Amino acid sequence: MQKLLTALFICVLLSACNQAKKESIPKQAAVTETIKIQEPTTPFVWEGANIYFLLTDRFHNADTLNDINFERTNKTGVLRGFMGGDIKGITQKINSGYFTNLGVNAIWFTPVVEQIHGDTDETTGNTYGYHGYWTKDWTALDPNFGTMEDLGRLVETAHTKGIRIVMDVVVNHTGPGTAKDPVWPSEWVRETPVCEFTTYENTTSCTLVKNLPDILTESDEAVELPDGLLAKWKAEGRLSQELDELELFFERTGYPRSPRAYIIKWLTDYVGDYGIDGFRVDTVKHADEKSWAELYEQAAYAFEIWKKKNANKVLDETPFYMMGEVYNYGISGGREFDFGDKKVDYYDYGFNSLINFELKNDAQKDYESIFKKYHTLLNTKLKGKSVVNYLTSHDDGEPFDKERKFPKKAANLLLLTPGVSQIYYGDESARDLTIEGAVGDATLRSYMNWNEIDSVTATQNILAHWKKLGQFRNNHPAVGAGKHKRLGKKPYVFSRTYTKDDYKDKVVIGLDLPKGKKSLWVKGFFGDGTKLFDTYSQTEVTVQNGKVILENEHDIALLELAN
């Protein structure tokens, strides 16, 4: 009984502390206006989600007043400085309907926590932390990206449109040391050796590159907070609040005051305060895997607490979602990643999905070979879990179709392959990935090509194709999460079926179809007399003799039951 009363008392204290925290300082500014959540017409399924991934700084600049902070004015290499994109810019595009029109039901944006203030002197040119992966303070947002109020408004706005928010989080490392950014204490980080990536040990207990201090995620030793961080909090007027919150967190969890535990507390605060729906976890294989189990446990706890406190803002009962970047993981490996001397099943440590680095290579195969492979693996080795497929990303120097010669085929491959789809900003508009003067990853990170979307007919045609496929995918969980079956070889026609409880979804898709009159075989899936609607050509057809007849100039058909 005493333990129960103590637990309840701590819970009350935690609730009171969180409430006071939201009312006291800008760090946790809350959006208080009433919002209306749209009732979904289709159940949301993470296994078939359509995620849009963007670099916060490179997507859309809605607030030019926050473009320069901390005297970040040194000249940088090409595409290696801040360009102005911000949280408000994402919200603005949500409100404009851009994501809804693209069929996007989840947005993943690069980290927005406070970045190192200085720049690094590299062979590729001076670089600032515009990308968000060089953390200075996990408890604050970087003013270049926006404020806590901006973040809260982003989440609430997305939720009104039925869109989930996935926050990119980094536990593995801090930002580089610079003249403005002292390296964290040795009790927190290691500065050597640099990883060799040939064994488990020299992939996890090392720094990814020189001058990227590696958090001692394997350590259970209690550490003191860095003097610099304490001084920063004091100057910002939130020292006692932060210390009180930490006290409550460690009392509730019983965790040792290890480096990873502090960071887990700081990151899951964003879930508890704003209702973030999921995490994309950076550099997963480079940290101790128990970190991820604890991160998920605390994030899931925070998400449930948030839902109880914000019943009118809850989209549905979908649990917290966590996807991981295990660099070079491929779906063919099933649940395990092979370090050479050790295999690790990261799905056992809180991950619902892992990013799949294999589709860009599979994309050279025919559609049926790809779809059948992914259907088989997701229903055997990976049953109950999923993968996040992509063709382009922010740090993959060998994406599919780097020169953007096949943007419509890319849409077909990405949006119709079983699993979660991840659109990289500009995939849908053929944003240039070959920027003159840009070195390494920078060439993949140009500013979003809004001008071309607004004025170039060819770009608008590409975008229209992505919109049609994206909306069809969003309306039909069967596309990403359903079971695949080929119905016809030539022309190529296949079905997808998704069933859960009382809900059933069935679609038929045709690819590489001939122009003009075409016959699609649907026998055994849709019976004669069934009325279907091709959402691509906006045509209603009726099944006769086991097939439907379409006549148009499109080489694709997206068939659903007609209303």
Protein backbone atom coordinates (compact mmCIF):
# COMPACT_ATOMS: atom_id res chain seq x y z
CA MET A 1 0.00 0.00 0.00
CA GLN A 2 2.84 2.36 0.89
CA LYS A 3 4.48 1.75 -2.50
CA LEU A 4 1.18 2.41 -4.28
CA LEU A 5 0.64 5.69 -2.41
CA THR A 6 4.19 6.75 -3.19
CA ALA A 7 3.75 5.98 -6.87
CA LEU A 8 0.50 7.93 -6.98
CA PHE A 9 2.12 10.85 -5.18
CA ILE A 10 4.98 10.91 -7.69
CA CYS A 11 2.51 10.74 -10.56
CA VAL A 12 0.60 13.72 -9.15
CA LEU A 13 3.84 15.61 -8.69
CA LEU A 14 4.88 14.78 -12.24
CA SER A 15 1.57 15.98 -13.61
CA ALA A 16 1.75 19.19 -11.62
CA CYS A 17 5.35 19.75 -12.66
CA ASN A 18 4.53 19.25 -16.31
CA GLN A 19 1.64 21.68 -16.07
CA ALA A 20 3.76 24.27 -14.32
CA LYS A 21 6.47 23.71 -16.88
CA LYS A 22 4.12 24.54 -19.73
CA GLU A 23 2.96 27.76 -18.06
CA SER A 24 6.29 29.10 -16.84
CA ILE A 25 8.69 29.54 -19.76
CA PRO A 26 8.73 29.57 -23.58
CA LYS A 27 10.46 26.15 -23.62
CA GLN A 28 7.13 24.39 -23.29
CA ALA A 29 4.76 27.00 -24.68
CA ALA A 30 1.40 25.34 -25.33
CA VAL A 31 -1.09 26.00 -28.10
CA THR A 32 -4.35 26.63 -26.29
CA GLU A 33 -6.80 27.25 -29.11
CA THR A 34 -9.49 24.64 -29.70
CA ILE A 35 -8.79 22.28 -32.55
CA LYS A 36 -11.05 19.93 -34.45
CA ILE A 37 -9.79 16.50 -35.41
CA GLN A 38 -11.14 15.27 -38.73
CA GLU A 39 -12.86 11.91 -38.52
CA PRO A 40 -10.84 9.49 -40.67
CA THR A 41 -12.64 7.70 -43.48
CA THR A 42 -9.93 5.03 -43.61
CA PRO A 43 -8.18 3.44 -40.63
CA PHE A 44 -4.55 4.48 -40.23
CA VAL A 45 -1.98 1.67 -40.39
CA TRP A 46 1.70 2.40 -39.75
CA GLU A 47 2.67 -0.69 -41.77
CA GLY A 48 1.23 0.99 -44.86
CA ALA A 49 1.96 4.63 -43.99
CA ASN A 50 3.08 7.21 -46.55
CA ILE A 51 5.79 9.23 -44.78
CA TYR A 52 7.20 12.49 -46.12
CA PHE A 53 10.79 13.15 -45.03
CA LEU A 54 12.18 16.68 -45.19
CA LEU A 55 15.15 18.71 -44.01
CA THR A 56 13.58 21.38 -41.84
CA ASP A 57 16.04 24.04 -43.01
CA ARG A 58 15.59 23.24 -46.70
CA PHE A 59 11.83 22.87 -47.09
CA HIS A 60 10.03 26.18 -46.67
CA ASN A 61 10.92 29.47 -44.98
CA ALA A 62 7.86 31.05 -43.37
CA ASP A 63 9.73 33.26 -40.88
CA THR A 64 12.71 35.19 -42.20
CA LEU A 65 13.24 36.83 -38.81
CA ASN A 66 14.79 33.62 -37.42
CA ASP A 67 17.22 32.99 -40.29
CA ILE A 68 20.39 34.08 -38.44
CA ASN A 69 21.17 33.23 -34.79
CA PHE A 70 24.30 32.85 -32.64
CA GLU A 71 26.28 34.91 -35.18
CA ARG A 72 26.28 32.06 -37.67
CA THR A 73 27.59 34.27 -40.46
CA ASN A 74 30.86 32.60 -41.54
CA LYS A 75 31.14 31.61 -45.17
CA THR A 76 30.44 27.91 -45.70
CA GLY A 77 30.87 25.32 -48.40
CA VAL A 78 28.13 24.99 -51.03
CA LEU A 79 24.85 23.98 -49.33
CA ARG A 80 26.56 23.71 -45.92
CA GLY A 81 24.99 26.67 -44.16
CA PHE A 82 21.50 27.54 -42.94
CA MET A 83 19.05 28.56 -45.69
CA GLY A 84 16.02 29.58 -43.63
CA GLY A 85 13.55 26.70 -43.65
CA ASP A 86 11.66 26.39 -40.37
CA ILE A 87 8.88 24.71 -38.42
CA LYS A 88 6.43 27.42 -39.40
CA GLY A 89 7.20 26.60 -43.03
CA ILE A 90 6.10 23.00 -42.55
CA THR A 91 2.91 24.12 -40.81
CA GLN A 92 2.18 26.56 -43.60
CA LYS A 93 2.41 23.78 -46.19
CA ILE A 94 0.17 21.54 -44.07
CA ASN A 95 -2.45 24.28 -44.00
CA SER A 96 -2.15 24.79 -47.75
CA GLY A 97 -3.08 21.13 -48.29
CA TYR A 98 0.23 20.23 -49.92
CA PHE A 99 0.73 17.05 -47.89
CA THR A 100 -2.92 16.03 -48.02
CA ASN A 101 -2.95 16.37 -51.80
CA LEU A 102 0.14 14.19 -51.94
CA GLY A 103 -1.52 11.46 -49.88
CA VAL A 104 0.96 11.92 -47.05
CA ASN A 105 -0.25 10.71 -43.65
CA ALA A 106 2.96 11.17 -41.65
CA ILE A 107 5.71 13.81 -41.72
CA TRP A 108 9.25 13.13 -40.56
CA PHE A 109 11.46 16.20 -40.27
CA THR A 110 15.13 16.45 -39.33
CA PRO A 111 15.99 17.26 -35.67
CA VAL A 112 15.03 20.72 -34.45
CA VAL A 113 16.80 20.75 -31.05
CA GLU A 114 19.45 23.39 -30.44
CA GLN A 115 22.51 22.85 -32.60
CA ILE A 116 26.13 23.78 -32.00
CA HIS A 117 26.62 27.52 -32.42
CA GLY A 118 29.89 27.37 -34.30
CA ASP A 119 30.90 25.91 -37.65
CA THR A 120 33.36 23.15 -38.43
CA ASP A 121 36.38 23.52 -40.66
CA GLU A 122 36.24 20.58 -43.03
CA THR A 123 37.80 19.72 -46.37
CA THR A 124 34.33 20.09 -47.87
CA GLY A 125 34.05 23.66 -46.59
CA ASN A 126 32.89 25.15 -43.32
CA THR A 127 29.64 23.59 -42.14
CA TYR A 128 26.96 24.65 -39.65
CA GLY A 129 24.47 22.27 -38.02
CA TYR A 130 21.68 23.18 -40.48
CA HIS A 131 20.81 19.47 -40.79
CA GLY A 132 19.94 19.09 -37.10
CA TYR A 133 22.21 16.17 -36.19
CA TRP A 134 24.78 18.18 -34.18
CA THR A 135 23.06 18.64 -30.82
CA LYS A 136 24.18 21.21 -28.27
CA ASP A 137 21.13 21.13 -25.97
CA TRP A 138 18.40 18.46 -26.19
CA THR A 139 16.07 20.51 -23.97
CA ALA A 140 15.80 23.52 -26.28
CA LEU A 141 14.84 24.14 -29.88
CA ASP A 142 17.25 25.89 -32.19
CA PRO A 143 15.89 29.37 -32.92
CA ASN A 144 16.80 28.90 -36.58
CA PHE A 145 14.07 26.26 -36.70
CA GLY A 146 11.56 27.97 -34.42
CA THR A 147 10.08 27.97 -30.94
CA MET A 148 8.31 25.47 -28.72
CA GLU A 149 5.06 27.20 -29.58
CA ASP A 150 5.82 26.65 -33.28
CA LEU A 151 6.38 22.95 -32.62
CA GLY A 152 3.14 22.62 -30.67
CA ARG A 153 1.22 24.36 -33.42
CA LEU A 154 2.82 22.11 -36.05
CA VAL A 155 1.67 18.95 -34.28
CA GLU A 156 -1.84 20.22 -33.65
CA THR A 157 -2.21 21.45 -37.23
CA ALA A 158 -1.01 18.14 -38.64
CA HIS A 159 -3.40 16.23 -36.42
CA THR A 160 -6.37 18.27 -37.66
CA LYS A 161 -5.54 16.93 -41.12
CA GLY A 162 -5.09 13.35 -39.92
CA ILE A 163 -1.32 13.56 -40.37
CA ARG A 164 1.07 12.01 -37.84
CA ILE A 165 4.32 13.70 -36.79
CA VAL A 166 7.56 11.73 -36.56
CA MET A 167 10.38 13.52 -34.76
CA ASP A 168 13.98 12.74 -35.70
CA VAL A 169 16.05 12.05 -32.57
CA VAL A 170 19.76 11.56 -31.90
CA VAL A 171 21.08 9.74 -28.83
CA ASN A 172 24.34 8.41 -30.26
CA HIS A 173 26.41 11.62 -30.38
CA THR A 174 26.58 15.31 -29.64
CA GLY A 175 27.66 17.96 -32.11
CA PRO A 176 31.33 18.55 -32.91
CA GLY A 177 33.47 20.66 -30.64
CA THR A 178 34.15 24.17 -31.93
CA ALA A 179 35.51 27.41 -30.51
CA LYS A 180 31.93 28.19 -29.43
CA ASP A 181 30.99 24.64 -28.42
CA PRO A 182 33.07 22.84 -25.77
CA VAL A 183 33.10 19.06 -25.95
CA TRP A 184 30.93 17.36 -23.33
CA PRO A 185 32.78 15.90 -20.29
CA SER A 186 34.65 12.60 -20.66
CA GLU A 187 32.11 10.93 -18.35
CA TRP A 188 29.53 11.56 -21.09
CA VAL A 189 31.41 11.04 -24.36
CA ARG A 190 34.39 9.38 -26.01
CA GLU A 191 36.43 11.23 -28.61
CA THR A 192 38.42 8.22 -29.82
CA PRO A 193 38.76 5.84 -31.55
CA VAL A 194 37.14 6.52 -34.92
CA CYS A 195 34.87 3.64 -35.99
CA GLU A 196 36.23 1.02 -38.39
CA PHE A 197 32.84 -0.66 -39.07
CA THR A 198 34.20 -4.21 -39.28
CA THR A 199 32.97 -5.61 -35.94
CA TYR A 200 30.26 -4.92 -33.40
CA GLU A 201 32.76 -3.32 -31.01
CA ASN A 202 34.42 -1.01 -33.51
CA THR A 203 31.01 0.07 -34.81
CA THR A 204 29.41 0.92 -31.47
CA SER A 205 32.19 1.97 -29.06
CA CYS A 206 33.72 4.65 -31.27
CA THR A 207 33.09 7.97 -33.01
CA LEU A 208 31.47 7.91 -36.43
CA VAL A 209 34.01 10.44 -37.68
CA LYS A 210 36.72 12.54 -36.11
CA ASN A 211 35.40 15.30 -33.83
CA LEU A 212 31.91 13.84 -33.39
CA PRO A 213 31.88 12.99 -29.67
CA ASP A 214 30.16 9.66 -29.06
CA ILE A 215 27.73 9.34 -26.13
CA LEU A 216 28.66 6.47 -23.79
CA THR A 217 25.30 4.79 -24.35
CA GLU A 218 26.54 1.48 -22.91
CA SER A 219 27.42 3.03 -19.54
CA ASP A 220 25.24 2.67 -16.44
CA GLU A 221 27.51 4.95 -14.41
CA ALA A 222 25.85 8.02 -12.90
CA VAL A 223 27.20 11.28 -14.29
CA GLU A 224 26.88 14.92 -13.31
CA LEU A 225 25.33 17.44 -15.63
CA PRO A 226 27.94 19.48 -17.52
CA ASP A 227 28.73 22.86 -15.96
CA GLY A 228 28.14 24.55 -19.29
CA LEU A 229 24.63 23.14 -19.55
CA LEU A 230 23.78 24.15 -15.98
CA ALA A 231 25.07 27.66 -16.64
CA LYS A 232 23.02 27.85 -19.84
CA TRP A 233 19.84 26.78 -18.07
CA LYS A 234 20.50 29.29 -15.29
CA ALA A 235 20.99 32.13 -17.77
CA GLU A 236 17.71 31.12 -19.46
CA GLY A 237 15.86 31.11 -16.14
CA ARG A 238 14.99 27.41 -16.06
CA LEU A 239 17.66 25.74 -13.97
CA SER A 240 15.50 24.76 -10.99
CA GLN A 241 12.70 23.58 -13.25
CA GLU A 242 14.98 21.30 -15.26
CA LEU A 243 16.57 19.85 -12.12
CA ASP A 244 13.16 19.23 -10.51
CA GLU A 245 11.92 17.43 -13.60
CA LEU A 246 15.01 15.24 -13.71
CA GLU A 247 14.51 14.32 -10.07
CA LEU A 248 10.98 13.18 -10.76
CA PHE A 249 12.00 11.27 -13.88
CA PHE A 250 14.71 9.27 -12.13
CA GLU A 251 12.46 8.58 -9.14
CA ARG A 252 9.72 7.26 -11.43
CA THR A 253 11.90 5.15 -13.73
CA GLY A 254 14.59 3.96 -11.31
CA TYR A 255 17.14 4.45 -14.11
CA PRO A 256 20.74 5.22 -13.19
CA ARG A 257 21.69 8.81 -14.02
CA SER A 258 23.57 7.61 -17.07
CA PRO A 259 24.21 9.74 -20.16
CA ARG A 260 21.60 7.86 -22.19
CA ALA A 261 18.96 8.18 -19.46
CA TYR A 262 19.27 11.97 -19.38
CA ILE A 263 18.89 12.17 -23.14
CA ILE A 264 15.93 9.77 -23.12
CA LYS A 265 14.19 12.00 -20.57
CA TRP A 266 14.83 15.12 -22.62
CA LEU A 267 13.63 13.60 -25.89
CA THR A 268 10.49 11.97 -24.52
CA ASP A 269 9.44 15.29 -23.00
CA TYR A 270 8.48 16.37 -26.52
CA VAL A 271 6.12 13.41 -26.74
CA GLY A 272 4.54 14.12 -23.36
CA ASP A 273 4.20 17.83 -24.00
CA TYR A 274 3.03 17.88 -27.62
CA GLY A 275 1.78 14.44 -28.60
CA ILE A 276 4.54 13.58 -31.09
CA ASP A 277 3.34 10.34 -32.71
CA GLY A 278 6.65 8.66 -33.38
CA PHE A 279 10.42 8.83 -33.46
CA ARG A 280 12.83 8.25 -36.30
CA VAL A 281 15.99 7.21 -34.49
CA ASP A 282 19.34 8.20 -35.98
CA THR A 283 22.52 6.04 -36.09
CA VAL A 284 20.88 3.06 -34.39
CA LYS A 285 23.64 0.48 -34.87
CA HIS A 286 26.27 2.79 -33.41
CA ALA A 287 24.75 2.89 -29.92
CA ASP A 288 24.11 0.25 -27.28
CA GLU A 289 20.81 -1.42 -28.19
CA LYS A 290 19.39 -1.28 -24.65
CA SER A 291 19.21 2.49 -25.19
CA TRP A 292 16.48 1.95 -27.75
CA ALA A 293 14.38 -0.32 -25.56
CA GLU A 294 14.44 2.32 -22.83
CA LEU A 295 13.75 5.13 -25.29
CA TYR A 296 10.68 3.33 -26.62
CA GLU A 297 9.45 2.45 -23.15
CA GLN A 298 9.57 6.07 -22.01
CA ALA A 299 8.21 7.48 -25.26
CA ALA A 300 5.27 5.07 -25.20
CA TYR A 301 4.62 6.02 -21.55
CA ALA A 302 4.74 9.73 -22.39
CA PHE A 303 2.42 9.25 -25.37
CA GLU A 304 -0.21 7.51 -23.28
CA ILE A 305 0.00 10.21 -20.59
CA TRP A 306 -0.41 12.88 -23.27
CA LYS A 307 -3.45 11.12 -24.73
CA LYS A 308 -5.11 10.90 -21.32
CA LYS A 309 -4.56 14.63 -20.77
CA ASN A 310 -5.65 15.62 -24.28
CA ALA A 311 -8.57 13.36 -25.09
CA ASN A 312 -10.04 15.88 -27.55
CA LYS A 313 -6.82 15.93 -29.58
CA VAL A 314 -6.24 12.19 -29.90
CA LEU A 315 -6.39 10.84 -33.45
CA ASP A 316 -7.04 7.20 -32.48
CA GLU A 317 -5.69 4.42 -30.30
CA THR A 318 -2.59 3.80 -32.42
CA PRO A 319 0.41 3.28 -30.09
CA PHE A 320 3.65 5.25 -30.28
CA TYR A 321 5.71 4.39 -33.37
CA MET A 322 9.48 4.06 -33.63
CA MET A 323 11.50 3.55 -36.81
CA GLY A 324 15.26 3.13 -36.86
CA GLU A 325 18.12 3.97 -39.17
CA VAL A 326 20.41 0.95 -39.06
CA TYR A 327 22.69 2.04 -41.87
CA ASN A 328 22.83 -0.55 -44.68
CA TYR A 329 20.11 -2.75 -43.17
CA GLY A 330 18.20 -4.54 -45.91
CA ILE A 331 14.87 -6.35 -45.84
CA SER A 332 16.50 -9.58 -47.07
CA GLY A 333 18.25 -9.88 -43.71
CA GLY A 334 14.93 -10.36 -41.97
CA ARG A 335 14.94 -9.19 -38.37
CA GLU A 336 18.70 -9.24 -37.84
CA PHE A 337 21.54 -6.94 -38.75
CA ASP A 338 24.89 -8.69 -39.20
CA PHE A 339 27.98 -6.87 -37.88
CA GLY A 340 30.22 -9.69 -39.10
CA ASP A 341 31.01 -11.05 -35.66
CA LYS A 342 27.58 -10.52 -34.10
CA LYS A 343 23.95 -10.29 -35.19
CA VAL A 344 21.45 -7.97 -33.51
CA ASP A 345 17.65 -8.03 -33.83
CA TYR A 346 16.78 -4.36 -33.38
CA TYR A 347 13.08 -5.16 -33.65
CA ASP A 348 13.49 -6.65 -30.18
CA TYR A 349 14.48 -3.25 -28.81
CA GLY A 350 11.39 -1.16 -29.44
CA PHE A 351 11.44 -0.67 -33.19
CA ASN A 352 8.29 -1.13 -35.24
CA SER A 353 10.16 -0.57 -38.50
CA LEU A 354 13.69 -0.23 -39.81
CA ILE A 355 14.67 1.86 -42.80
CA ASN A 356 15.27 -0.47 -45.74
CA PHE A 357 18.38 0.36 -47.77
CA GLU A 358 17.61 -2.34 -50.33
CA LEU A 359 14.80 -0.95 -52.49
CA LYS A 360 17.05 1.43 -54.46
CA ASN A 361 18.90 -1.67 -55.75
CA ASP A 362 15.79 -3.82 -56.13
CA ALA A 363 14.34 -1.02 -58.26
CA GLN A 364 16.31 -2.33 -61.24
CA LYS A 365 14.15 -5.49 -61.25
CA ASP A 366 10.68 -5.91 -62.74
CA TYR A 367 7.68 -4.89 -60.64
CA GLU A 368 6.43 -8.39 -59.88
CA SER A 369 9.82 -9.59 -58.65
CA ILE A 370 10.00 -6.65 -56.25
CA PHE A 371 6.43 -6.82 -55.00
CA LYS A 372 6.46 -10.59 -54.53
CA LYS A 373 9.77 -10.46 -52.63
CA TYR A 374 8.57 -7.78 -50.21
CA HIS A 375 5.17 -9.41 -49.72
CA THR A 376 6.85 -12.73 -48.89
CA LEU A 377 9.39 -11.32 -46.43
CA LEU A 378 6.87 -9.09 -44.65
CA ASN A 379 4.57 -12.06 -44.16
CA THR A 380 7.28 -14.50 -43.01
CA LYS A 381 10.58 -13.31 -41.49
CA LEU A 382 9.18 -9.88 -40.63
CA LYS A 383 5.61 -10.81 -39.80
CA GLY A 384 4.20 -8.31 -37.31
CA LYS A 385 6.88 -5.73 -38.17
CA SER A 386 7.63 -3.61 -41.22
CA VAL A 387 10.29 -1.74 -43.17
CA VAL A 388 10.43 1.85 -44.38
CA ASN A 389 11.25 1.89 -48.08
CA TYR A 390 12.98 4.79 -49.81
CA LEU A 391 14.64 5.57 -53.12
CA THR A 392 16.29 8.88 -52.15
CA SER A 393 17.52 10.23 -48.82
CA HIS A 394 19.65 12.95 -47.23
CA ASP A 395 22.79 10.85 -46.83
CA ASP A 396 22.67 8.12 -49.47
CA GLY A 397 25.06 9.19 -52.20
CA GLU A 398 23.84 6.47 -54.55
CA PRO A 399 20.06 6.91 -54.74
CA PHE A 400 17.85 5.43 -57.40
CA ASP A 401 17.68 7.75 -60.42
CA LYS A 402 19.98 10.49 -59.12
CA GLU A 403 19.57 12.40 -62.39
CA ARG A 404 15.76 12.24 -62.11
CA LYS A 405 15.26 10.58 -65.49
CA PHE A 406 12.42 8.32 -64.27
CA PRO A 407 10.41 10.32 -61.72
CA LYS A 408 7.09 8.61 -62.50
CA LYS A 409 8.58 5.14 -62.32
CA ALA A 410 10.09 6.13 -58.97
CA ALA A 411 6.57 6.93 -57.75
CA ASN A 412 5.29 3.55 -58.91
CA LEU A 413 8.15 1.70 -57.23
CA LEU A 414 8.08 3.58 -53.96
CA LEU A 415 4.35 3.99 -53.40
CA LEU A 416 3.28 0.54 -54.59
CA THR A 417 5.95 -1.67 -52.99
CA PRO A 418 4.66 -3.42 -49.83
CA GLY A 419 5.85 -1.75 -46.63
CA VAL A 420 6.01 1.84 -45.42
CA SER A 421 6.90 4.41 -48.09
CA GLN A 422 9.24 7.34 -47.42
CA ILE A 423 9.06 10.19 -49.89
CA TYR A 424 12.18 12.37 -49.67
CA TYR A 425 11.29 16.01 -50.16
CA GLY A 426 11.45 16.79 -53.85
CA ASP A 427 11.07 13.19 -55.03
CA GLU A 428 7.58 14.22 -56.09
CA SER A 429 8.86 17.24 -58.02
CA ALA A 430 12.16 15.85 -59.38
CA ARG A 431 14.24 18.27 -57.28
CA ASP A 432 17.80 18.44 -58.61
CA LEU A 433 20.24 16.14 -56.78
CA THR A 434 23.33 17.15 -58.75
CA ILE A 435 24.21 20.62 -57.52
CA GLU A 436 27.37 22.13 -58.96
CA GLY A 437 30.03 22.75 -56.32
CA ALA A 438 28.28 20.71 -53.65
CA VAL A 439 30.43 17.98 -52.11
CA GLY A 440 29.19 14.72 -50.59
CA ASP A 441 25.76 14.67 -48.95
CA ALA A 442 25.27 18.39 -49.57
CA THR A 443 24.23 17.80 -53.19
CA LEU A 444 21.21 15.85 -51.90
CA ARG A 445 20.09 18.76 -49.72
CA SER A 446 19.21 21.66 -51.99
CA TYR A 447 16.29 23.93 -51.19
CA MET A 448 12.86 22.62 -52.16
CA ASN A 449 12.06 23.53 -55.78
CA TRP A 450 8.85 25.45 -55.14
CA ASN A 451 9.51 27.75 -58.12
CA GLU A 452 9.46 24.80 -60.51
CA ILE A 453 6.30 23.43 -58.91
CA ASP A 454 4.63 26.79 -59.44
CA SER A 455 5.78 27.44 -63.00
CA VAL A 456 7.19 24.43 -64.89
CA THR A 457 4.64 22.26 -66.68
CA ALA A 458 6.83 19.14 -66.72
CA THR A 459 7.30 19.40 -62.94
CA GLN A 460 3.57 19.85 -62.44
CA ASN A 461 2.87 16.72 -64.50
CA ILE A 462 5.30 14.69 -62.40
CA LEU A 463 3.72 16.00 -59.21
CA ALA A 464 0.24 15.16 -60.49
CA HIS A 465 1.29 11.53 -60.94
CA TRP A 466 2.71 11.36 -57.40
CA LYS A 467 -0.49 12.90 -56.04
CA LYS A 468 -2.72 10.30 -57.70
CA LEU A 469 -0.66 7.38 -56.40
CA GLY A 470 -0.19 8.94 -52.98
CA GLN A 471 -3.88 9.59 -52.45
CA PHE A 472 -4.76 6.08 -53.60
CA ARG A 473 -2.22 4.64 -51.17
CA ASN A 474 -3.50 6.81 -48.33
CA ASN A 475 -7.09 5.77 -49.02
CA HIS A 476 -6.22 2.08 -49.13
CA PRO A 477 -4.13 0.39 -46.40
CA ALA A 478 -4.09 -2.66 -48.67
CA VAL A 479 -1.52 -1.00 -50.94
CA GLY A 480 1.27 -0.87 -48.36
CA ALA A 481 0.10 -3.26 -45.65
CA GLY A 482 -1.94 -5.76 -47.62
CA LYS A 483 -1.25 -9.09 -49.25
CA HIS A 484 -0.05 -9.07 -52.83
CA LYS A 485 -1.13 -11.40 -55.66
CA ARG A 486 -0.50 -11.21 -59.38
CA LEU A 487 -3.70 -11.49 -61.42
CA GLY A 488 -2.37 -10.95 -64.91
CA LYS A 489 1.09 -11.17 -66.49
CA LYS A 490 0.53 -9.16 -69.66
CA PRO A 491 -0.74 -6.61 -69.14
CA TYR A 492 0.60 -6.66 -65.59
CA VAL A 493 -2.25 -6.61 -63.07
CA PHE A 494 -2.14 -7.38 -59.35
CA SER A 495 -4.33 -7.23 -56.29
CA ARG A 496 -3.79 -6.15 -52.69
CA THR A 497 -6.00 -7.18 -49.78
CA TYR A 498 -5.94 -5.94 -46.21
CA THR A 499 -8.13 -7.30 -43.42
CA LYS A 500 -8.21 -6.34 -39.77
CA ASP A 501 -11.12 -7.08 -37.45
CA ASP A 502 -14.25 -5.98 -39.34
CA TYR A 503 -12.39 -3.82 -41.83
CA LYS A 504 -11.53 -5.13 -45.30
CA ASP A 505 -9.85 -3.30 -48.16
CA LYS A 506 -9.41 -4.61 -51.73
CA VAL A 507 -7.78 -2.94 -54.72
CA VAL A 508 -6.47 -3.89 -58.15
CA ILE A 509 -3.60 -2.09 -59.87
CA GLY A 510 -2.30 -2.28 -63.42
CA LEU A 511 1.16 -1.12 -64.52
CA ASP A 512 2.95 -0.81 -67.87
CA LEU A 513 -0.42 -0.90 -69.58
CA PRO A 514 -0.78 -0.25 -73.31
CA LYS A 515 -2.11 3.11 -74.39
CA GLY A 516 -5.58 3.20 -75.83
CA LYS A 517 -7.94 0.27 -75.22
CA LYS A 518 -6.79 -2.20 -72.56
CA SER A 519 -8.23 -5.26 -70.83
CA LEU A 520 -7.39 -5.92 -67.15
CA TRP A 521 -7.91 -9.41 -65.76
CA VAL A 522 -9.59 -9.40 -62.33
CA LYS A 523 -11.24 -12.84 -62.32
CA GLY A 524 -11.23 -14.53 -58.93
CA PHE A 525 -10.86 -11.20 -57.14
CA PHE A 526 -13.80 -9.08 -58.29
CA GLY A 527 -16.87 -10.91 -59.59
CA ASP A 528 -18.78 -10.16 -62.77
CA GLY A 529 -21.14 -7.22 -62.37
CA THR A 530 -18.94 -5.51 -59.77
CA LYS A 531 -18.62 -1.79 -60.40
CA LEU A 532 -15.09 -0.46 -60.04
CA PHE A 533 -13.63 3.03 -60.24
CA ASP A 534 -10.24 3.79 -61.78
CA THR A 535 -9.03 6.70 -59.69
CA TYR A 536 -6.19 7.46 -62.10
CA SER A 537 -8.41 8.16 -65.13
CA GLN A 538 -11.54 8.93 -63.07
CA THR A 539 -13.49 6.26 -64.94
CA GLU A 540 -16.15 3.87 -63.68
CA VAL A 541 -16.13 0.36 -65.18
CA THR A 542 -18.00 -2.91 -64.67
CA VAL A 543 -16.43 -6.35 -64.44
CA GLN A 544 -17.54 -8.56 -67.33
CA ASN A 545 -16.21 -12.01 -68.14
CA GLY A 546 -13.58 -11.66 -65.43
CA LYS A 547 -12.10 -8.42 -66.75
CA VAL A 548 -12.58 -4.69 -67.07
CA ILE A 549 -12.02 -2.59 -70.17
CA LEU A 550 -10.41 0.86 -70.05
CA GLU A 551 -9.69 3.18 -72.93
CA ASN A 552 -7.30 6.05 -72.26
CA GLU A 553 -3.71 7.15 -72.81
CA HIS A 554 -2.49 6.16 -69.32
CA ASP A 555 -0.18 3.21 -68.65
CA ILE A 556 -1.49 2.75 -65.12
CA ALA A 557 -4.84 1.92 -63.49
CA LEU A 558 -5.79 2.21 -59.82
CA LEU A 559 -9.03 0.30 -59.29
CA GLU A 560 -11.23 0.43 -56.20
CA LEU A 561 -14.83 -0.51 -55.49
CA ALA A 562 -17.14 2.17 -56.85
CA ASN A 563 -19.28 4.01 -54.32
